Amino acid sequence: GAGLDGEDPGIGLKNEKVGRFAQLSKPDAVLHDHDRVEIYRPLIADPKEVRKQRAAAGKVMKKGPGDGE
């Protein structure tokens, strides 16, 4: 294995859904070279609610790199 289990206390691969290339997979599935492994965890905040709170506070979200700043 990649040795990820136990590296970060927030990642418990036995308790999380995992996948490869946006397809659910079993945690013990055999990986191949260049596979993209994804760990699916619950959101910690509702994105719609966060946007609503920012709008109410008058804060503007940046688009990210290359947004003209």
Protein backbone atom coordinates (compact mmCIF):
# COMPACT_ATOMS: atom_id res chain seq x y z
CA GLY A 1 0.00 0.00 0.00
CA ALA A 2 0.89 3.65 -0.18
CA GLY A 3 1.15 3.85 3.59
CA LEU A 4 -1.51 6.55 3.90
CA ASP A 5 -3.45 4.89 6.70
CA GLY A 6 -2.21 6.38 9.94
CA GLU A 7 -0.31 9.29 8.33
CA ASP A 8 -3.04 11.87 9.02
CA PRO A 9 -5.37 11.36 11.98
CA GLY A 10 -8.17 12.88 9.86
CA ILE A 11 -7.86 10.15 7.23
CA GLY A 12 -9.01 6.72 8.27
CA LEU A 13 -9.20 4.79 5.03
CA LYS A 14 -11.13 2.00 6.67
CA ASN A 15 -13.94 4.45 7.50
CA GLU A 16 -13.94 6.56 4.34
CA LYS A 17 -15.21 5.90 0.83
CA VAL A 18 -12.43 5.77 -1.72
CA GLY A 19 -12.29 5.70 -5.48
CA ARG A 20 -10.16 5.90 -8.57
CA PHE A 21 -10.89 8.38 -11.36
CA ALA A 22 -14.31 9.33 -9.85
CA GLN A 23 -15.44 5.70 -9.55
CA LEU A 24 -16.06 4.15 -6.13
CA SER A 25 -13.56 1.44 -5.30
CA LYS A 26 -12.76 -0.84 -2.39
CA PRO A 27 -9.94 0.34 -0.10
CA ASP A 28 -8.03 -2.89 -0.76
CA ALA A 29 -8.31 -2.70 -4.57
CA VAL A 30 -5.07 -3.21 -6.48
CA LEU A 31 -3.70 0.05 -7.87
CA HIS A 32 -1.93 0.50 -11.18
CA ASP A 33 0.69 3.04 -12.25
CA HIS A 34 -0.77 6.54 -12.66
CA ASP A 35 -4.08 5.71 -10.90
CA ARG A 36 -5.62 8.78 -9.27
CA VAL A 37 -6.81 7.76 -5.81
CA GLU A 38 -9.57 9.84 -4.25
CA ILE A 39 -10.74 9.88 -0.63
CA TYR A 40 -14.38 10.94 -0.29
CA ARG A 41 -15.13 12.66 3.00
CA PRO A 42 -18.22 14.55 4.13
CA LEU A 43 -18.21 18.31 3.63
CA ILE A 44 -17.44 20.29 6.78
CA ALA A 45 -19.60 23.22 5.63
CA ASP A 46 -22.50 23.65 3.21
CA PRO A 47 -21.09 25.63 0.24
CA LYS A 48 -24.43 27.40 -0.37
CA GLU A 49 -24.62 28.52 3.26
CA VAL A 50 -21.01 29.77 3.22
CA ARG A 51 -21.69 31.82 0.05
CA LYS A 52 -24.85 33.24 1.62
CA GLN A 53 -22.93 34.28 4.76
CA ARG A 54 -20.17 35.90 2.68
CA ALA A 55 -22.71 37.82 0.61
CA ALA A 56 -24.46 39.04 3.76
CA ALA A 57 -21.12 40.21 5.16
CA GLY A 58 -20.29 42.00 1.88
CA LYS A 59 -17.26 39.86 1.17
CA VAL A 60 -16.33 39.11 -2.43
CA MET A 61 -14.96 35.71 -3.40
CA LYS A 62 -11.89 35.63 -5.62
CA LYS A 63 -11.89 33.31 -8.60
CA GLY A 64 -8.33 32.21 -7.94
CA PRO A 65 -5.10 32.46 -9.91
CA GLY A 66 -5.49 34.45 -13.10
CA ASP A 67 -8.59 36.38 -12.01
CA GLY A 68 -6.92 39.68 -12.86
CA GLU A 69 -5.17 40.35 -9.56
